[in-house]
Amino acid sequence: AKGRFTISRDNAKNTVYLQMNSLKPEDTAVYYCAYRVCSGLGCRV
């Protein structure tokens, strides 16, 4: 995904986005959103 996809989020809307550019046939797939519950500030991706 590096160089082609950009992830971003709007915390006020609880929404995450995935901007996908320069798409290739091998990007064909079902894309799933996932959510990790973190109660602290130190959670990493």
ModelCIF file with pLDDT and N, C-alpha, C, O atoms, coordinates in Angstrom:
data_MODEL
#
_entry.id   MODEL 
#
_entity.id                         1 
_entity.type                       polymer 
_entity.pdbx_number_of_molecules   1 
#
_entity_poly.entity_id                      1 
_entity_poly.type                           'polypeptide(L)' 
_entity_poly.nstd_linkage                   no 
_entity_poly.nstd_monomer                   no 
_entity_poly.pdbx_seq_one_letter_code       AKGRFTISRDNAKNTVYLQMNSLKPEDTAVYYCAYRVCSGLGCRV 
_entity_poly.pdbx_seq_one_letter_code_can   AKGRFTISRDNAKNTVYLQMNSLKPEDTAVYYCAYRVCSGLGCRV 
_entity_poly.pdbx_strand_id                 A 
#
loop_
_entity_poly_seq.entity_id 
_entity_poly_seq.num 
_entity_poly_seq.mon_id 
_entity_poly_seq.hetero 
1 1  ALA n 
1 2  LYS n 
1 3  GLY n 
1 4  ARG n 
1 5  PHE n 
1 6  THR n 
1 7  ILE n 
1 8  SER n 
1 9  ARG n 
1 10 ASP n 
1 11 ASN n 
1 12 ALA n 
1 13 LYS n 
1 14 ASN n 
1 15 THR n 
1 16 VAL n 
1 17 TYR n 
1 18 LEU n 
1 19 GLN n 
1 20 MET n 
1 21 ASN n 
1 22 SER n 
1 23 LEU n 
1 24 LYS n 
1 25 PRO n 
1 26 GLU n 
1 27 ASP n 
1 28 THR n 
1 29 ALA n 
1 30 VAL n 
1 31 TYR n 
1 32 TYR n 
1 33 CYS n 
1 34 ALA n 
1 35 TYR n 
1 36 ARG n 
1 37 VAL n 
1 38 CYS n 
1 39 SER n 
1 40 GLY n 
1 41 LEU n 
1 42 GLY n 
1 43 CYS n 
1 44 ARG n 
1 45 VAL n 
#
_struct_asym.id          A 
_struct_asym.entity_id   1 
#
loop_
_ma_qa_metric.id 
_ma_qa_metric.mode 
_ma_qa_metric.name 
_ma_qa_metric.software_group_id 
_ma_qa_metric.type 
1 global pLDDT . pLDDT 
2 local  pLDDT . pLDDT 
#
_ma_qa_metric_global.metric_id      1 
_ma_qa_metric_global.metric_value   93.40 
_ma_qa_metric_global.model_id       1 
_ma_qa_metric_global.ordinal_id     1 
#
loop_
_ma_qa_metric_local.label_asym_id 
_ma_qa_metric_local.label_comp_id 
_ma_qa_metric_local.label_seq_id 
_ma_qa_metric_local.metric_id 
_ma_qa_metric_local.metric_value 
_ma_qa_metric_local.model_id 
_ma_qa_metric_local.ordinal_id 
A ALA 1  2 93.00 1 1  
A LYS 2  2 93.00 1 2  
A GLY 3  2 94.00 1 3  
A ARG 4  2 97.00 1 4  
A PHE 5  2 98.00 1 5  
A THR 6  2 98.00 1 6  
A ILE 7  2 98.00 1 7  
A SER 8  2 97.00 1 8  
A ARG 9  2 94.00 1 9  
A ASP 10 2 93.00 1 10 
A ASN 11 2 89.00 1 11 
A ALA 12 2 91.00 1 12 
A LYS 13 2 92.00 1 13 
A ASN 14 2 92.00 1 14 
A THR 15 2 95.00 1 15 
A VAL 16 2 97.00 1 16 
A TYR 17 2 98.00 1 17 
A LEU 18 2 98.00 1 18 
A GLN 19 2 98.00 1 19 
A MET 20 2 98.00 1 20 
A ASN 21 2 98.00 1 21 
A SER 22 2 97.00 1 22 
A LEU 23 2 98.00 1 23 
A LYS 24 2 97.00 1 24 
A PRO 25 2 97.00 1 25 
A GLU 26 2 96.00 1 26 
A ASP 27 2 98.00 1 27 
A THR 28 2 98.00 1 28 
A ALA 29 2 98.00 1 29 
A VAL 30 2 98.00 1 30 
A TYR 31 2 98.00 1 31 
A TYR 32 2 98.00 1 32 
A CYS 33 2 98.00 1 33 
A ALA 34 2 97.00 1 34 
A TYR 35 2 96.00 1 35 
A ARG 36 2 94.00 1 36 
A VAL 37 2 92.00 1 37 
A CYS 38 2 86.00 1 38 
A SER 39 2 78.00 1 39 
A GLY 40 2 75.00 1 40 
A LEU 41 2 72.00 1 41 
A GLY 42 2 74.00 1 42 
A CYS 43 2 84.00 1 43 
A ARG 44 2 89.00 1 44 
A VAL 45 2 94.00 1 45 
#
loop_
_atom_site.group_PDB 
_atom_site.id 
_atom_site.type_symbol 
_atom_site.label_atom_id 
_atom_site.label_alt_id 
_atom_site.label_comp_id 
_atom_site.label_asym_id 
_atom_site.label_entity_id 
_atom_site.label_seq_id 
_atom_site.pdbx_PDB_ins_code 
_atom_site.Cartn_x 
_atom_site.Cartn_y 
_atom_site.Cartn_z 
_atom_site.occupancy 
_atom_site.B_iso_or_equiv 
_atom_site.pdbx_formal_charge 
_atom_site.auth_seq_id 
_atom_site.auth_comp_id 
_atom_site.auth_asym_id 
_atom_site.auth_atom_id 
_atom_site.pdbx_PDB_model_num 
ATOM 1   N N  . ALA A 1 1  ? 0.805   -1.214 0.000   1.00 93.00 ? 1  ALA A N  1 
ATOM 2   C CA . ALA A 1 1  ? 0.000   0.000  0.000   1.00 93.00 ? 1  ALA A CA 1 
ATOM 3   C C  . ALA A 1 1  ? 0.844   1.273  0.000   1.00 93.00 ? 1  ALA A C  1 
ATOM 4   O O  . ALA A 1 1  ? 0.339   2.350  -0.318  1.00 93.00 ? 1  ALA A O  1 
ATOM 5   N N  . LYS A 1 2  ? 2.096   1.162  0.346   1.00 93.00 ? 2  LYS A N  1 
ATOM 6   C CA . LYS A 1 2  ? 2.937   2.348  0.475   1.00 93.00 ? 2  LYS A CA 1 
ATOM 7   C C  . LYS A 1 2  ? 3.058   3.094  -0.852  1.00 93.00 ? 2  LYS A C  1 
ATOM 8   O O  . LYS A 1 2  ? 3.319   2.511  -1.904  1.00 93.00 ? 2  LYS A O  1 
ATOM 9   N N  . GLY A 1 3  ? 2.858   4.397  -0.755  1.00 94.00 ? 3  GLY A N  1 
ATOM 10  C CA . GLY A 1 3  ? 2.960   5.232  -1.948  1.00 94.00 ? 3  GLY A CA 1 
ATOM 11  C C  . GLY A 1 3  ? 1.692   5.306  -2.767  1.00 94.00 ? 3  GLY A C  1 
ATOM 12  O O  . GLY A 1 3  ? 1.579   6.144  -3.661  1.00 94.00 ? 3  GLY A O  1 
ATOM 13  N N  . ARG A 1 4  ? 0.723   4.429  -2.472  1.00 97.00 ? 4  ARG A N  1 
ATOM 14  C CA . ARG A 1 4  ? -0.520  4.435  -3.240  1.00 97.00 ? 4  ARG A CA 1 
ATOM 15  C C  . ARG A 1 4  ? -1.757  4.640  -2.366  1.00 97.00 ? 4  ARG A C  1 
ATOM 16  O O  . ARG A 1 4  ? -2.713  5.288  -2.791  1.00 97.00 ? 4  ARG A O  1 
ATOM 17  N N  . PHE A 1 5  ? -1.745  4.099  -1.164  1.00 98.00 ? 5  PHE A N  1 
ATOM 18  C CA . PHE A 1 5  ? -2.907  4.191  -0.282  1.00 98.00 ? 5  PHE A CA 1 
ATOM 19  C C  . PHE A 1 5  ? -2.596  5.126  0.882   1.00 98.00 ? 5  PHE A C  1 
ATOM 20  O O  . PHE A 1 5  ? -1.476  5.161  1.391   1.00 98.00 ? 5  PHE A O  1 
ATOM 21  N N  . THR A 1 6  ? -3.611  5.879  1.290   1.00 98.00 ? 6  THR A N  1 
ATOM 22  C CA . THR A 1 6  ? -3.463  6.766  2.438   1.00 98.00 ? 6  THR A CA 1 
ATOM 23  C C  . THR A 1 6  ? -4.633  6.555  3.383   1.00 98.00 ? 6  THR A C  1 
ATOM 24  O O  . THR A 1 6  ? -5.794  6.641  2.985   1.00 98.00 ? 6  THR A O  1 
ATOM 25  N N  . ILE A 1 7  ? -4.313  6.278  4.634   1.00 98.00 ? 7  ILE A N  1 
ATOM 26  C CA . ILE A 1 7  ? -5.355  6.123  5.640   1.00 98.00 ? 7  ILE A CA 1 
ATOM 27  C C  . ILE A 1 7  ? -5.448  7.402  6.458   1.00 98.00 ? 7  ILE A C  1 
ATOM 28  O O  . ILE A 1 7  ? -4.437  8.034  6.763   1.00 98.00 ? 7  ILE A O  1 
ATOM 29  N N  . SER A 1 8  ? -6.661  7.770  6.805   1.00 97.00 ? 8  SER A N  1 
ATOM 30  C CA . SER A 1 8  ? -6.880  8.952  7.628   1.00 97.00 ? 8  SER A CA 1 
ATOM 31  C C  . SER A 1 8  ? -8.117  8.726  8.488   1.00 97.00 ? 8  SER A C  1 
ATOM 32  O O  . SER A 1 8  ? -8.880  7.790  8.252   1.00 97.00 ? 8  SER A O  1 
ATOM 33  N N  . ARG A 1 9  ? -8.310  9.573  9.470   1.00 94.00 ? 9  ARG A N  1 
ATOM 34  C CA . ARG A 1 9  ? -9.494  9.420  10.310  1.00 94.00 ? 9  ARG A CA 1 
ATOM 35  C C  . ARG A 1 9  ? -10.007 10.776 10.754  1.00 94.00 ? 9  ARG A C  1 
ATOM 36  O O  . ARG A 1 9  ? -9.262  11.749 10.866  1.00 94.00 ? 9  ARG A O  1 
ATOM 37  N N  . ASP A 1 10 ? -11.292 10.802 11.001  1.00 93.00 ? 10 ASP A N  1 
ATOM 38  C CA . ASP A 1 10 ? -11.968 11.973 11.545  1.00 93.00 ? 10 ASP A CA 1 
ATOM 39  C C  . ASP A 1 10 ? -12.513 11.537 12.897  1.00 93.00 ? 10 ASP A C  1 
ATOM 40  O O  . ASP A 1 10 ? -13.547 10.872 12.965  1.00 93.00 ? 10 ASP A O  1 
ATOM 41  N N  . ASN A 1 11 ? -11.829 11.904 13.967  1.00 89.00 ? 11 ASN A N  1 
ATOM 42  C CA . ASN A 1 11 ? -12.229 11.448 15.304  1.00 89.00 ? 11 ASN A CA 1 
ATOM 43  C C  . ASN A 1 11 ? -13.597 11.975 15.704  1.00 89.00 ? 11 ASN A C  1 
ATOM 44  O O  . ASN A 1 11 ? -14.336 11.308 16.428  1.00 89.00 ? 11 ASN A O  1 
ATOM 45  N N  . ALA A 1 12 ? -13.932 13.161 15.239  1.00 91.00 ? 12 ALA A N  1 
ATOM 46  C CA . ALA A 1 12 ? -15.236 13.733 15.596  1.00 91.00 ? 12 ALA A CA 1 
ATOM 47  C C  . ALA A 1 12 ? -16.375 12.917 14.985  1.00 91.00 ? 12 ALA A C  1 
ATOM 48  O O  . ALA A 1 12 ? -17.475 12.861 15.534  1.00 91.00 ? 12 ALA A O  1 
ATOM 49  N N  . LYS A 1 13 ? -16.101 12.297 13.862  1.00 92.00 ? 13 LYS A N  1 
ATOM 50  C CA . LYS A 1 13 ? -17.119 11.504 13.180  1.00 92.00 ? 13 LYS A CA 1 
ATOM 51  C C  . LYS A 1 13 ? -16.937 10.006 13.399  1.00 92.00 ? 13 LYS A C  1 
ATOM 52  O O  . LYS A 1 13 ? -17.722 9.206  12.889  1.00 92.00 ? 13 LYS A O  1 
ATOM 53  N N  . ASN A 1 14 ? -15.907 9.619  14.156  1.00 92.00 ? 14 ASN A N  1 
ATOM 54  C CA . ASN A 1 14 ? -15.610 8.187  14.352  1.00 92.00 ? 14 ASN A CA 1 
ATOM 55  C C  . ASN A 1 14 ? -15.526 7.457  13.021  1.00 92.00 ? 14 ASN A C  1 
ATOM 56  O O  . ASN A 1 14 ? -16.064 6.361  12.864  1.00 92.00 ? 14 ASN A O  1 
ATOM 57  N N  . THR A 1 15 ? -14.860 8.065  12.086  1.00 95.00 ? 15 THR A N  1 
ATOM 58  C CA . THR A 1 15 ? -14.784 7.526  10.735  1.00 95.00 ? 15 THR A CA 1 
ATOM 59  C C  . THR A 1 15 ? -13.335 7.445  10.287  1.00 95.00 ? 15 THR A C  1 
ATOM 60  O O  . THR A 1 15 ? -12.537 8.346  10.543  1.00 95.00 ? 15 THR A O  1 
ATOM 61  N N  . VAL A 1 16 ? -13.010 6.347  9.611   1.00 97.00 ? 16 VAL A N  1 
ATOM 62  C CA . VAL A 1 16 ? -11.692 6.172  9.031   1.00 97.00 ? 16 VAL A CA 1 
ATOM 63  C C  . VAL A 1 16 ? -11.852 6.042  7.523   1.00 97.00 ? 16 VAL A C  1 
ATOM 64  O O  . VAL A 1 16 ? -12.835 5.487  7.031   1.00 97.00 ? 16 VAL A O  1 
ATOM 65  N N  . TYR A 1 17 ? -10.881 6.557  6.810   1.00 98.00 ? 17 TYR A N  1 
ATOM 66  C CA . TYR A 1 17 ? -10.919 6.556  5.354   1.00 98.00 ? 17 TYR A CA 1 
ATOM 67  C C  . TYR A 1 17 ? -9.693  5.840  4.798   1.00 98.00 ? 17 TYR A C  1 
ATOM 68  O O  . TYR A 1 17 ? -8.638  5.800  5.430   1.00 98.00 ? 17 TYR A O  1 
ATOM 69  N N  . LEU A 1 18 ? -9.853  5.283  3.615   1.00 98.00 ? 18 LEU A N  1 
ATOM 70  C CA . LEU A 1 18 ? -8.717  4.716  2.894   1.00 98.00 ? 18 LEU A CA 1 
ATOM 71  C C  . LEU A 1 18 ? -8.782  5.234  1.462   1.00 98.00 ? 18 LEU A C  1 
ATOM 72  O O  . LEU A 1 18 ? -9.613  4.804  0.662   1.00 98.00 ? 18 LEU A O  1 
ATOM 73  N N  . GLN A 1 19 ? -7.893  6.160  1.164   1.00 98.00 ? 19 GLN A N  1 
ATOM 74  C CA . GLN A 1 19 ? -7.795  6.681  -0.191  1.00 98.00 ? 19 GLN A CA 1 
ATOM 75  C C  . GLN A 1 19 ? -6.855  5.771  -0.967  1.00 98.00 ? 19 GLN A C  1 
ATOM 76  O O  . GLN A 1 19 ? -5.693  5.603  -0.597  1.00 98.00 ? 19 GLN A O  1 
ATOM 77  N N  . MET A 1 20 ? -7.359  5.192  -2.029  1.00 98.00 ? 20 MET A N  1 
ATOM 78  C CA . MET A 1 20 ? -6.567  4.253  -2.825  1.00 98.00 ? 20 MET A CA 1 
ATOM 79  C C  . MET A 1 20 ? -6.373  4.810  -4.221  1.00 98.00 ? 20 MET A C  1 
ATOM 80  O O  . MET A 1 20 ? -7.334  5.026  -4.959  1.00 98.00 ? 20 MET A O  1 
ATOM 81  N N  . ASN A 1 21 ? -5.132  5.039  -4.571  1.00 98.00 ? 21 ASN A N  1 
ATOM 82  C CA . ASN A 1 21 ? -4.778  5.567  -5.888  1.00 98.00 ? 21 ASN A CA 1 
ATOM 83  C C  . ASN A 1 21 ? -3.945  4.555  -6.658  1.00 98.00 ? 21 ASN A C  1 
ATOM 84  O O  . ASN A 1 21 ? -3.416  3.603  -6.085  1.00 98.00 ? 21 ASN A O  1 
ATOM 85  N N  . SER A 1 22 ? -3.838  4.768  -7.942  1.00 97.00 ? 22 SER A N  1 
ATOM 86  C CA . SER A 1 22 ? -3.036  3.885  -8.809  1.00 97.00 ? 22 SER A CA 1 
ATOM 87  C C  . SER A 1 22 ? -3.392  2.420  -8.569  1.00 97.00 ? 22 SER A C  1 
ATOM 88  O O  . SER A 1 22 ? -2.514  1.575  -8.392  1.00 97.00 ? 22 SER A O  1 
ATOM 89  N N  . LEU A 1 23 ? -4.661  2.142  -8.566  1.00 98.00 ? 23 LEU A N  1 
ATOM 90  C CA . LEU A 1 23 ? -5.112  0.789  -8.258  1.00 98.00 ? 23 LEU A CA 1 
ATOM 91  C C  . LEU A 1 23 ? -4.674  -0.210 -9.321  1.00 98.00 ? 23 LEU A C  1 
ATOM 92  O O  . LEU A 1 23 ? -4.586  0.108  -10.507 1.00 98.00 ? 23 LEU A O  1 
ATOM 93  N N  . LYS A 1 24 ? -4.402  -1.426 -8.858  1.00 97.00 ? 24 LYS A N  1 
ATOM 94  C CA . LYS A 1 24 ? -3.949  -2.501 -9.726  1.00 97.00 ? 24 LYS A CA 1 
ATOM 95  C C  . LYS A 1 24 ? -4.931  -3.673 -9.635  1.00 97.00 ? 24 LYS A C  1 
ATOM 96  O O  . LYS A 1 24 ? -5.645  -3.801 -8.640  1.00 97.00 ? 24 LYS A O  1 
ATOM 97  N N  . PRO A 1 25 ? -4.974  -4.514 -10.646 1.00 97.00 ? 25 PRO A N  1 
ATOM 98  C CA . PRO A 1 25 ? -5.871  -5.678 -10.561 1.00 97.00 ? 25 PRO A CA 1 
ATOM 99  C C  . PRO A 1 25 ? -5.618  -6.526 -9.312  1.00 97.00 ? 25 PRO A C  1 
ATOM 100 O O  . PRO A 1 25 ? -6.550  -7.124 -8.775  1.00 97.00 ? 25 PRO A O  1 
ATOM 101 N N  . GLU A 1 26 ? -4.389  -6.582 -8.854  1.00 96.00 ? 26 GLU A N  1 
ATOM 102 C CA . GLU A 1 26 ? -4.090  -7.379 -7.660  1.00 96.00 ? 26 GLU A CA 1 
ATOM 103 C C  . GLU A 1 26 ? -4.620  -6.745 -6.374  1.00 96.00 ? 26 GLU A C  1 
ATOM 104 O O  . GLU A 1 26 ? -4.542  -7.357 -5.309  1.00 96.00 ? 26 GLU A O  1 
ATOM 105 N N  . ASP A 1 27 ? -5.152  -5.542 -6.459  1.00 98.00 ? 27 ASP A N  1 
ATOM 106 C CA . ASP A 1 27 ? -5.813  -4.933 -5.295  1.00 98.00 ? 27 ASP A CA 1 
ATOM 107 C C  . ASP A 1 27 ? -7.248  -5.416 -5.149  1.00 98.00 ? 27 ASP A C  1 
ATOM 108 O O  . ASP A 1 27 ? -7.913  -5.095 -4.163  1.00 98.00 ? 27 ASP A O  1 
ATOM 109 N N  . THR A 1 28 ? -7.725  -6.172 -6.106  1.00 98.00 ? 28 THR A N  1 
ATOM 110 C CA . THR A 1 28 ? -9.083  -6.690 -6.043  1.00 98.00 ? 28 THR A CA 1 
ATOM 111 C C  . THR A 1 28 ? -9.249  -7.586 -4.826  1.00 98.00 ? 28 THR A C  1 
ATOM 112 O O  . THR A 1 28 ? -8.508  -8.551 -4.639  1.00 98.00 ? 28 THR A O  1 
ATOM 113 N N  . ALA A 1 29 ? -10.229 -7.252 -4.006  1.00 98.00 ? 29 ALA A N  1 
ATOM 114 C CA . ALA A 1 29 ? -10.444 -7.983 -2.760  1.00 98.00 ? 29 ALA A CA 1 
ATOM 115 C C  . ALA A 1 29 ? -11.669 -7.405 -2.057  1.00 98.00 ? 29 ALA A C  1 
ATOM 116 O O  . ALA A 1 29 ? -12.208 -6.371 -2.452  1.00 98.00 ? 29 ALA A O  1 
ATOM 117 N N  . VAL A 1 30 ? -12.087 -8.097 -1.013  1.00 98.00 ? 30 VAL A N  1 
ATOM 118 C CA . VAL A 1 30 ? -13.051 -7.511 -0.082  1.00 98.00 ? 30 VAL A CA 1 
ATOM 119 C C  . VAL A 1 30 ? -12.237 -6.788 0.979   1.00 98.00 ? 30 VAL A C  1 
ATOM 120 O O  . VAL A 1 30 ? -11.329 -7.364 1.578   1.00 98.00 ? 30 VAL A O  1 
ATOM 121 N N  . TYR A 1 31 ? -12.565 -5.533 1.205   1.00 98.00 ? 31 TYR A N  1 
ATOM 122 C CA . TYR A 1 31 ? -11.842 -4.714 2.163   1.00 98.00 ? 31 TYR A CA 1 
ATOM 123 C C  . TYR A 1 31 ? -12.666 -4.613 3.450   1.00 98.00 ? 31 TYR A C  1 
ATOM 124 O O  . TYR A 1 31 ? -13.847 -4.268 3.435   1.00 98.00 ? 31 TYR A O  1 
ATOM 125 N N  . TYR A 1 32 ? -11.997 -4.928 4.560   1.00 98.00 ? 32 TYR A N  1 
ATOM 126 C CA . TYR A 1 32 ? -12.652 -4.945 5.859   1.00 98.00 ? 32 TYR A CA 1 
ATOM 127 C C  . TYR A 1 32 ? -12.089 -3.856 6.759   1.00 98.00 ? 32 TYR A C  1 
ATOM 128 O O  . TYR A 1 32 ? -10.879 -3.638 6.820   1.00 98.00 ? 32 TYR A O  1 
ATOM 129 N N  . CYS A 1 33 ? -12.983 -3.186 7.446   1.00 98.00 ? 33 CYS A N  1 
ATOM 130 C CA . CYS A 1 33 ? -12.598 -2.230 8.468   1.00 98.00 ? 33 CYS A CA 1 
ATOM 131 C C  . CYS A 1 33 ? -12.486 -2.965 9.799   1.00 98.00 ? 33 CYS A C  1 
ATOM 132 O O  . CYS A 1 33 ? -13.284 -3.855 10.093  1.00 98.00 ? 33 CYS A O  1 
ATOM 133 N N  . ALA A 1 34 ? -11.503 -2.592 10.592  1.00 97.00 ? 34 ALA A N  1 
ATOM 134 C CA . ALA A 1 34 ? -11.286 -3.239 11.875  1.00 97.00 ? 34 ALA A CA 1 
ATOM 135 C C  . ALA A 1 34 ? -11.075 -2.195 12.960  1.00 97.00 ? 34 ALA A C  1 
ATOM 136 O O  . ALA A 1 34 ? -10.582 -1.096 12.709  1.00 97.00 ? 34 ALA A O  1 
ATOM 137 N N  . TYR A 1 35 ? -11.465 -2.571 14.177  1.00 96.00 ? 35 TYR A N  1 
ATOM 138 C CA . TYR A 1 35 ? -11.450 -1.620 15.293  1.00 96.00 ? 35 TYR A CA 1 
ATOM 139 C C  . TYR A 1 35 ? -10.821 -2.297 16.495  1.00 96.00 ? 35 TYR A C  1 
ATOM 140 O O  . TYR A 1 35 ? -11.225 -3.388 16.897  1.00 96.00 ? 35 TYR A O  1 
ATOM 141 N N  . ARG A 1 36 ? -9.825  -1.631 17.061  1.00 94.00 ? 36 ARG A N  1 
ATOM 142 C CA . ARG A 1 36 ? -9.135  -2.152 18.231  1.00 94.00 ? 36 ARG A CA 1 
ATOM 143 C C  . ARG A 1 36 ? -9.447  -1.263 19.411  1.00 94.00 ? 36 ARG A C  1 
ATOM 144 O O  . ARG A 1 36 ? -9.138  -0.071 19.394  1.00 94.00 ? 36 ARG A O  1 
ATOM 145 N N  . VAL A 1 37 ? -10.052 -1.824 20.428  1.00 92.00 ? 37 VAL A N  1 
ATOM 146 C CA . VAL A 1 37 ? -10.405 -1.053 21.612  1.00 92.00 ? 37 VAL A CA 1 
ATOM 147 C C  . VAL A 1 37 ? -9.141  -0.733 22.397  1.00 92.00 ? 37 VAL A C  1 
ATOM 148 O O  . VAL A 1 37 ? -8.394  -1.632 22.783  1.00 92.00 ? 37 VAL A O  1 
ATOM 149 N N  . CYS A 1 38 ? -8.908  0.549  22.627  1.00 86.00 ? 38 CYS A N  1 
ATOM 150 C CA . CYS A 1 38 ? -7.759  0.987  23.418  1.00 86.00 ? 38 CYS A CA 1 
ATOM 151 C C  . CYS A 1 38 ? -8.219  2.073  24.360  1.00 86.00 ? 38 CYS A C  1 
ATOM 152 O O  . CYS A 1 38 ? -8.750  3.095  23.925  1.00 86.00 ? 38 CYS A O  1 
ATOM 153 N N  . SER A 1 39 ? -8.026  1.866  25.625  1.00 78.00 ? 39 SER A N  1 
ATOM 154 C CA . SER A 1 39 ? -8.475  2.853  26.603  1.00 78.00 ? 39 SER A CA 1 
ATOM 155 C C  . SER A 1 39 ? -7.395  3.855  26.963  1.00 78.00 ? 39 SER A C  1 
ATOM 156 O O  . SER A 1 39 ? -7.679  4.857  27.619  1.00 78.00 ? 39 SER A O  1 
ATOM 157 N N  . GLY A 1 40 ? -6.157  3.602  26.547  1.00 75.00 ? 40 GLY A N  1 
ATOM 158 C CA . GLY A 1 40 ? -5.060  4.508  26.871  1.00 75.00 ? 40 GLY A CA 1 
ATOM 159 C C  . GLY A 1 40 ? -4.546  5.211  25.637  1.00 75.00 ? 40 GLY A C  1 
ATOM 160 O O  . GLY A 1 40 ? -5.054  5.022  24.531  1.00 75.00 ? 40 GLY A O  1 
ATOM 161 N N  . LEU A 1 41 ? -3.535  6.022  25.846  1.00 72.00 ? 41 LEU A N  1 
ATOM 162 C CA . LEU A 1 41 ? -2.976  6.814  24.760  1.00 72.00 ? 41 LEU A CA 1 
ATOM 163 C C  . LEU A 1 41 ? -1.828  6.130  24.049  1.00 72.00 ? 41 LEU A C  1 
ATOM 164 O O  . LEU A 1 41 ? -1.317  6.646  23.054  1.00 72.00 ? 41 LEU A O  1 
ATOM 165 N N  . GLY A 1 42 ? -1.412  4.966  24.551  1.00 74.00 ? 42 GLY A N  1 
ATOM 166 C CA . GLY A 1 42 ? -0.212  4.350  24.012  1.00 74.00 ? 42 GLY A CA 1 
ATOM 167 C C  . GLY A 1 42 ? -0.438  3.254  22.994  1.00 74.00 ? 42 GLY A C  1 
ATOM 168 O O  . GLY A 1 42 ? 0.499   2.546  22.623  1.00 74.00 ? 42 GLY A O  1 
ATOM 169 N N  . CYS A 1 43 ? -1.677  3.105  22.534  1.00 84.00 ? 43 CYS A N  1 
ATOM 170 C CA . CYS A 1 43 ? -1.947  2.018  21.591  1.00 84.00 ? 43 CYS A CA 1 
ATOM 171 C C  . CYS A 1 43 ? -1.319  2.298  20.242  1.00 84.00 ? 43 CYS A C  1 
ATOM 172 O O  . CYS A 1 43 ? -1.455  3.385  19.681  1.00 84.00 ? 43 CYS A O  1 
ATOM 173 N N  . ARG A 1 44 ? -0.635  1.301  19.742  1.00 89.00 ? 44 ARG A N  1 
ATOM 174 C CA . ARG A 1 44 ? -0.010  1.417  18.436  1.00 89.00 ? 44 ARG A CA 1 
ATOM 175 C C  . ARG A 1 44 ? -0.809  0.637  17.406  1.00 89.00 ? 44 ARG A C  1 
ATOM 176 O O  . ARG A 1 44 ? -1.607  -0.237 17.742  1.00 89.00 ? 44 ARG A O  1 
ATOM 177 N N  . VAL A 1 45 ? -0.581  0.966  16.172  1.00 94.00 ? 45 VAL A N  1 
ATOM 178 C CA . VAL A 1 45 ? -1.233  0.241  15.097  1.00 94.00 ? 45 VAL A CA 1 
ATOM 179 C C  . VAL A 1 45 ? -0.655  -1.167 15.030  1.00 94.00 ? 45 VAL A C  1 
ATOM 180 O O  . VAL A 1 45 ? -1.065  -1.964 14.185  1.00 94.00 ? 45 VAL A O  1 
#
